[in-house]
């Protein structure tokens, strides 16, 4: 079983920064893809950024140049450094992992955290 816990959300003024963290726990040997999604009120959940185990990254156009995703494979953790935050970045941010190799086999499903709220407001 895989458990994901996000942290680091909060209230920040426009132009500010936040750093989100996601810690994965369980009988995990490796994780292929880790990603951050977000869902604003009344909108669909969308991909913000993703990173593979070899460090390849993918960003939504709306966050390119402002957000940086990173991970620590040894600790099964992932981070999202968010700079120059805008009101439209306000959302619940979710951690997602896929391609998880467990001690007892391969997990063919995606796993989600509970989310952390990011609010950008003056």
N, C-alpha and C. Protein backbone atom coordinates (compact mmCIF):
# COMPACT_ATOMS: atom_id res chain seq x y z
N UNK A 1 0.84 -1.19 0.00
CA UNK A 1 0.00 0.00 0.00
C UNK A 1 0.88 1.24 0.00
N UNK A 2 0.44 2.27 -0.73
CA UNK A 2 1.20 3.50 -0.86
C UNK A 2 0.44 4.63 -0.17
N UNK A 3 1.15 5.37 0.66
CA UNK A 3 0.56 6.53 1.32
C UNK A 3 1.33 7.77 0.92
N UNK A 4 0.59 8.81 0.54
CA UNK A 4 1.20 10.07 0.12
C UNK A 4 0.73 11.18 1.03
N UNK A 5 1.66 11.96 1.53
CA UNK A 5 1.32 13.07 2.42
C UNK A 5 1.95 14.34 1.89
N UNK A 6 1.09 15.32 1.58
CA UNK A 6 1.57 16.61 1.11
C UNK A 6 1.68 17.58 2.27
N UNK A 7 2.56 18.54 2.12
CA UNK A 7 2.70 19.61 3.10
C UNK A 7 3.25 20.85 2.42
N UNK A 8 3.13 21.99 3.10
CA UNK A 8 3.72 23.21 2.59
C UNK A 8 2.74 24.23 2.04
N UNK A 9 1.48 23.88 1.98
CA UNK A 9 0.51 24.84 1.48
C UNK A 9 0.28 25.97 2.47
N UNK A 10 -0.45 26.98 2.00
CA UNK A 10 -0.75 28.10 2.88
C UNK A 10 -1.23 29.30 2.11
N UNK A 11 -1.28 30.43 2.81
CA UNK A 11 -1.72 31.70 2.23
C UNK A 11 -0.51 32.57 1.96
N UNK A 12 -0.39 33.01 0.72
CA UNK A 12 0.74 33.83 0.31
C UNK A 12 0.23 34.98 -0.55
N UNK A 13 0.91 36.11 -0.46
CA UNK A 13 0.55 37.24 -1.30
C UNK A 13 1.03 37.03 -2.73
N UNK A 14 0.39 37.65 -3.69
CA UNK A 14 0.88 37.57 -5.08
C UNK A 14 2.34 37.97 -5.16
N UNK A 15 3.08 37.21 -5.95
CA UNK A 15 4.51 37.45 -6.08
C UNK A 15 5.35 36.67 -5.09
N UNK A 16 4.70 36.05 -4.14
CA UNK A 16 5.41 35.28 -3.12
C UNK A 16 5.78 33.89 -3.57
N UNK A 17 6.34 33.12 -2.65
CA UNK A 17 6.81 31.77 -2.95
C UNK A 17 6.31 30.78 -1.90
N UNK A 18 6.20 29.55 -2.33
CA UNK A 18 5.89 28.43 -1.45
C UNK A 18 6.65 27.22 -1.95
N UNK A 19 6.92 26.32 -1.03
CA UNK A 19 7.55 25.05 -1.40
C UNK A 19 6.69 23.92 -0.86
N UNK A 20 6.16 23.12 -1.77
CA UNK A 20 5.35 21.97 -1.40
C UNK A 20 6.22 20.73 -1.32
N UNK A 21 5.85 19.84 -0.42
CA UNK A 21 6.54 18.57 -0.29
C UNK A 21 5.53 17.43 -0.33
N UNK A 22 5.99 16.31 -0.86
CA UNK A 22 5.16 15.11 -0.88
C UNK A 22 6.05 13.94 -0.44
N UNK A 23 5.61 13.26 0.61
CA UNK A 23 6.36 12.12 1.11
C UNK A 23 5.56 10.86 0.85
N UNK A 24 6.18 9.93 0.17
CA UNK A 24 5.55 8.64 -0.12
C UNK A 24 6.07 7.60 0.85
N UNK A 25 5.17 6.81 1.39
CA UNK A 25 5.57 5.76 2.31
C UNK A 25 4.83 4.48 1.99
N UNK A 26 5.33 3.39 2.53
CA UNK A 26 4.78 2.08 2.25
C UNK A 26 5.90 1.15 1.84
N UNK A 27 5.54 0.01 1.33
CA UNK A 27 6.55 -0.98 0.94
C UNK A 27 7.08 -0.67 -0.46
N UNK A 28 7.69 0.50 -0.59
CA UNK A 28 8.08 1.02 -1.90
C UNK A 28 9.54 0.73 -2.20
N UNK A 29 9.78 0.17 -3.37
CA UNK A 29 11.15 -0.01 -3.85
C UNK A 29 11.54 1.13 -4.78
N UNK A 30 10.62 1.52 -5.64
CA UNK A 30 10.90 2.62 -6.56
C UNK A 30 9.59 3.20 -7.08
N UNK A 31 9.68 4.44 -7.55
CA UNK A 31 8.53 5.12 -8.15
C UNK A 31 8.96 5.68 -9.49
N UNK A 32 8.22 5.36 -10.53
CA UNK A 32 8.58 5.84 -11.86
C UNK A 32 8.25 7.33 -12.02
N UNK A 33 7.01 7.67 -11.92
CA UNK A 33 6.60 9.05 -12.15
C UNK A 33 5.95 9.64 -10.90
N UNK A 34 6.39 10.84 -10.57
CA UNK A 34 5.78 11.60 -9.48
C UNK A 34 5.30 12.92 -10.06
N UNK A 35 4.14 13.36 -9.63
CA UNK A 35 3.62 14.58 -10.20
C UNK A 35 2.77 15.38 -9.23
N UNK A 36 2.62 16.63 -9.58
CA UNK A 36 1.72 17.53 -8.85
C UNK A 36 0.55 17.91 -9.76
N UNK A 37 -0.62 17.79 -9.22
CA UNK A 37 -1.84 18.24 -9.88
C UNK A 37 -2.48 19.30 -8.99
N UNK A 38 -3.37 20.07 -9.58
CA UNK A 38 -4.11 21.03 -8.78
C UNK A 38 -5.55 21.12 -9.26
N UNK A 39 -6.39 21.50 -8.34
CA UNK A 39 -7.80 21.67 -8.68
C UNK A 39 -8.32 22.92 -8.00
N UNK A 40 -8.69 23.88 -8.82
CA UNK A 40 -9.29 25.10 -8.30
C UNK A 40 -10.80 24.90 -8.19
N UNK A 41 -11.42 25.69 -7.38
CA UNK A 41 -12.86 25.59 -7.17
C UNK A 41 -13.60 25.74 -8.49
N UNK A 42 -14.44 24.76 -8.78
CA UNK A 42 -15.24 24.81 -9.99
C UNK A 42 -14.53 24.40 -11.26
N UNK A 43 -13.29 23.95 -11.13
CA UNK A 43 -12.51 23.56 -12.31
C UNK A 43 -12.06 22.12 -12.20
N UNK A 44 -11.66 21.58 -13.32
CA UNK A 44 -11.15 20.21 -13.34
C UNK A 44 -9.73 20.16 -12.81
N UNK A 45 -9.37 19.00 -12.29
CA UNK A 45 -8.01 18.79 -11.83
C UNK A 45 -7.08 18.82 -13.04
N UNK A 46 -5.95 19.49 -12.89
CA UNK A 46 -5.01 19.61 -14.00
C UNK A 46 -3.59 19.30 -13.55
N UNK A 47 -2.81 18.81 -14.50
CA UNK A 47 -1.40 18.54 -14.22
C UNK A 47 -0.63 19.85 -14.10
N UNK A 48 0.16 19.96 -13.06
CA UNK A 48 1.02 21.12 -12.88
C UNK A 48 2.44 20.79 -13.34
N UNK A 49 2.97 19.70 -12.84
CA UNK A 49 4.32 19.30 -13.21
C UNK A 49 4.51 17.83 -12.85
N UNK A 50 5.40 17.18 -13.58
CA UNK A 50 5.70 15.78 -13.32
C UNK A 50 7.18 15.55 -13.52
N UNK A 51 7.69 14.51 -12.84
CA UNK A 51 9.10 14.19 -12.94
C UNK A 51 9.26 12.68 -12.90
N UNK A 52 10.11 12.16 -13.78
CA UNK A 52 10.36 10.73 -13.80
C UNK A 52 11.54 10.39 -12.89
N UNK A 53 11.76 9.11 -12.73
CA UNK A 53 12.83 8.67 -11.84
C UNK A 53 14.21 9.07 -12.35
N UNK A 54 14.33 9.30 -13.66
CA UNK A 54 15.62 9.72 -14.20
C UNK A 54 15.75 11.23 -14.29
N UNK A 55 14.74 11.95 -13.77
CA UNK A 55 14.84 13.40 -13.70
C UNK A 55 14.20 14.18 -14.82
N UNK A 56 13.59 13.51 -15.77
CA UNK A 56 12.90 14.22 -16.84
C UNK A 56 11.67 14.91 -16.28
N UNK A 57 11.46 16.15 -16.71
CA UNK A 57 10.35 16.93 -16.16
C UNK A 57 9.39 17.40 -17.26
N UNK A 58 8.20 17.71 -16.82
CA UNK A 58 7.15 18.22 -17.70
C UNK A 58 6.34 19.23 -16.90
N UNK A 59 6.07 20.38 -17.50
CA UNK A 59 5.35 21.45 -16.81
C UNK A 59 4.15 21.92 -17.62
N UNK A 60 3.12 22.33 -16.92
CA UNK A 60 2.02 23.02 -17.58
C UNK A 60 2.54 24.37 -18.07
N UNK A 61 2.03 24.81 -19.19
CA UNK A 61 2.49 26.09 -19.75
C UNK A 61 2.31 27.23 -18.77
N UNK A 62 1.27 27.16 -17.98
CA UNK A 62 0.93 28.26 -17.07
C UNK A 62 1.94 28.43 -15.93
N UNK A 63 2.76 27.42 -15.69
CA UNK A 63 3.71 27.51 -14.57
C UNK A 63 5.17 27.48 -15.01
N UNK A 64 5.40 27.30 -16.29
CA UNK A 64 6.78 27.24 -16.78
C UNK A 64 7.52 28.54 -16.43
N UNK A 65 8.73 28.36 -15.94
CA UNK A 65 9.54 29.51 -15.56
C UNK A 65 9.28 30.00 -14.14
N UNK A 66 8.21 29.53 -13.52
CA UNK A 66 7.89 29.95 -12.15
C UNK A 66 7.98 28.80 -11.14
N UNK A 67 7.62 27.60 -11.58
CA UNK A 67 7.61 26.43 -10.70
C UNK A 67 8.75 25.49 -11.08
N UNK A 68 9.30 24.84 -10.07
CA UNK A 68 10.34 23.84 -10.30
C UNK A 68 10.01 22.58 -9.51
N UNK A 69 9.94 21.46 -10.20
CA UNK A 69 9.68 20.19 -9.55
C UNK A 69 11.00 19.45 -9.35
N UNK A 70 11.11 18.76 -8.23
CA UNK A 70 12.31 17.96 -7.96
C UNK A 70 11.91 16.77 -7.09
N UNK A 71 12.82 15.83 -6.97
CA UNK A 71 12.53 14.65 -6.15
C UNK A 71 13.81 14.09 -5.56
N UNK A 72 13.63 13.35 -4.50
CA UNK A 72 14.72 12.63 -3.86
C UNK A 72 14.34 11.16 -3.93
N UNK A 73 14.92 10.44 -4.85
CA UNK A 73 14.54 9.03 -5.06
C UNK A 73 14.84 8.18 -3.83
N UNK A 74 15.90 8.48 -3.15
CA UNK A 74 16.29 7.67 -1.99
C UNK A 74 15.27 7.79 -0.86
N UNK A 75 14.60 8.96 -0.79
CA UNK A 75 13.65 9.19 0.30
C UNK A 75 12.20 9.16 -0.18
N UNK A 76 12.01 8.86 -1.47
CA UNK A 76 10.65 8.83 -2.04
C UNK A 76 9.88 10.10 -1.73
N UNK A 77 10.55 11.20 -1.91
CA UNK A 77 9.91 12.50 -1.69
C UNK A 77 9.99 13.36 -2.95
N UNK A 78 9.08 14.28 -3.03
CA UNK A 78 8.98 15.17 -4.18
C UNK A 78 8.70 16.58 -3.69
N UNK A 79 9.18 17.54 -4.45
CA UNK A 79 9.01 18.93 -4.04
C UNK A 79 8.50 19.76 -5.22
N UNK A 80 7.85 20.84 -4.89
CA UNK A 80 7.44 21.81 -5.90
C UNK A 80 7.75 23.20 -5.37
N UNK A 81 8.77 23.81 -5.94
CA UNK A 81 9.12 25.18 -5.58
C UNK A 81 8.30 26.10 -6.46
N UNK A 82 7.50 26.92 -5.84
CA UNK A 82 6.60 27.81 -6.57
C UNK A 82 6.99 29.25 -6.29
N UNK A 83 7.39 29.95 -7.34
CA UNK A 83 7.79 31.34 -7.22
C UNK A 83 6.87 32.24 -8.03
N UNK A 84 6.91 33.52 -7.72
CA UNK A 84 6.08 34.49 -8.43
C UNK A 84 4.63 34.02 -8.52
N UNK A 85 4.09 33.64 -7.40
CA UNK A 85 2.75 33.08 -7.38
C UNK A 85 1.70 34.12 -7.75
N UNK A 86 0.67 33.64 -8.42
CA UNK A 86 -0.41 34.49 -8.91
C UNK A 86 -1.73 34.03 -8.31
N UNK A 87 -2.71 34.90 -8.24
CA UNK A 87 -4.02 34.50 -7.71
C UNK A 87 -4.59 33.27 -8.42
N UNK A 88 -4.31 33.15 -9.71
CA UNK A 88 -4.83 32.00 -10.46
C UNK A 88 -4.13 30.69 -10.11
N UNK A 89 -3.11 30.74 -9.30
CA UNK A 89 -2.47 29.52 -8.80
C UNK A 89 -3.20 28.95 -7.59
N UNK A 90 -4.19 29.69 -7.10
CA UNK A 90 -4.97 29.23 -5.95
C UNK A 90 -5.70 27.93 -6.28
N UNK A 91 -5.46 26.91 -5.47
CA UNK A 91 -6.05 25.60 -5.71
C UNK A 91 -5.62 24.64 -4.60
N UNK A 92 -6.25 23.49 -4.61
CA UNK A 92 -5.74 22.38 -3.80
C UNK A 92 -4.74 21.63 -4.67
N UNK A 93 -3.56 21.44 -4.14
CA UNK A 93 -2.49 20.76 -4.86
C UNK A 93 -2.36 19.32 -4.37
N UNK A 94 -2.36 18.41 -5.32
CA UNK A 94 -2.33 16.98 -5.01
C UNK A 94 -1.04 16.35 -5.51
N UNK A 95 -0.53 15.45 -4.71
CA UNK A 95 0.61 14.62 -5.10
C UNK A 95 0.09 13.35 -5.77
N UNK A 96 0.75 12.93 -6.82
CA UNK A 96 0.34 11.74 -7.56
C UNK A 96 1.58 10.93 -7.90
N UNK A 97 1.49 9.62 -7.78
CA UNK A 97 2.59 8.76 -8.20
C UNK A 97 2.04 7.62 -9.04
N UNK A 98 2.85 7.18 -9.96
CA UNK A 98 2.48 6.08 -10.84
C UNK A 98 3.71 5.24 -11.15
N UNK A 99 3.47 3.98 -11.48
CA UNK A 99 4.60 3.09 -11.76
C UNK A 99 5.39 2.78 -10.51
N UNK A 100 4.67 2.33 -9.48
CA UNK A 100 5.31 2.05 -8.20
C UNK A 100 5.67 0.57 -8.10
N UNK A 101 6.91 0.32 -7.80
CA UNK A 101 7.37 -1.05 -7.54
C UNK A 101 7.41 -1.24 -6.04
N UNK A 102 6.64 -2.21 -5.59
CA UNK A 102 6.56 -2.50 -4.15
C UNK A 102 7.38 -3.74 -3.84
N UNK A 103 7.60 -3.98 -2.58
CA UNK A 103 8.39 -5.15 -2.19
C UNK A 103 7.71 -6.45 -2.57
N UNK A 104 6.39 -6.39 -2.75
CA UNK A 104 5.64 -7.60 -3.06
C UNK A 104 5.07 -7.60 -4.46
N UNK A 105 5.48 -6.64 -5.29
CA UNK A 105 5.01 -6.62 -6.66
C UNK A 105 4.87 -5.21 -7.22
N UNK A 106 4.29 -5.13 -8.39
CA UNK A 106 4.14 -3.87 -9.10
C UNK A 106 2.72 -3.35 -8.93
N UNK A 107 2.59 -2.06 -8.62
CA UNK A 107 1.28 -1.44 -8.51
C UNK A 107 0.92 -0.77 -9.82
N UNK A 108 -0.14 -1.24 -10.46
CA UNK A 108 -0.52 -0.70 -11.77
C UNK A 108 -1.54 0.42 -11.67
N UNK A 109 -1.72 0.96 -10.49
CA UNK A 109 -2.67 2.05 -10.34
C UNK A 109 -1.95 3.33 -9.90
N UNK A 110 -2.62 4.45 -10.13
CA UNK A 110 -2.09 5.71 -9.64
C UNK A 110 -2.50 5.89 -8.18
N UNK A 111 -1.67 6.63 -7.47
CA UNK A 111 -1.94 6.88 -6.07
C UNK A 111 -1.98 8.39 -5.84
N UNK A 112 -2.89 8.82 -4.97
CA UNK A 112 -3.10 10.24 -4.72
C UNK A 112 -2.97 10.57 -3.25
N UNK A 113 -2.47 11.76 -2.99
CA UNK A 113 -2.48 12.29 -1.64
C UNK A 113 -3.80 12.99 -1.37
N UNK A 114 -3.94 13.51 -0.16
CA UNK A 114 -5.17 14.17 0.24
C UNK A 114 -5.23 15.62 -0.21
N UNK A 115 -4.10 16.17 -0.57
CA UNK A 115 -4.08 17.55 -1.06
C UNK A 115 -3.69 18.56 -0.01
N UNK A 116 -3.12 19.66 -0.49
CA UNK A 116 -2.77 20.77 0.38
C UNK A 116 -3.23 22.06 -0.30
N UNK A 117 -3.87 22.92 0.47
CA UNK A 117 -4.47 24.13 -0.10
C UNK A 117 -3.44 25.24 -0.23
N UNK A 118 -3.39 25.80 -1.42
CA UNK A 118 -2.55 26.97 -1.69
C UNK A 118 -3.47 28.13 -2.05
N UNK A 119 -3.35 29.21 -1.31
CA UNK A 119 -4.19 30.38 -1.56
C UNK A 119 -3.30 31.59 -1.80
N UNK A 120 -3.50 32.22 -2.93
CA UNK A 120 -2.72 33.40 -3.28
C UNK A 120 -3.66 34.60 -3.27
N UNK A 121 -3.44 35.46 -2.31
CA UNK A 121 -4.34 36.60 -2.14
C UNK A 121 -3.64 37.70 -1.36
N UNK A 122 -4.00 38.93 -1.70
CA UNK A 122 -3.47 40.07 -0.97
C UNK A 122 -4.42 40.48 0.16
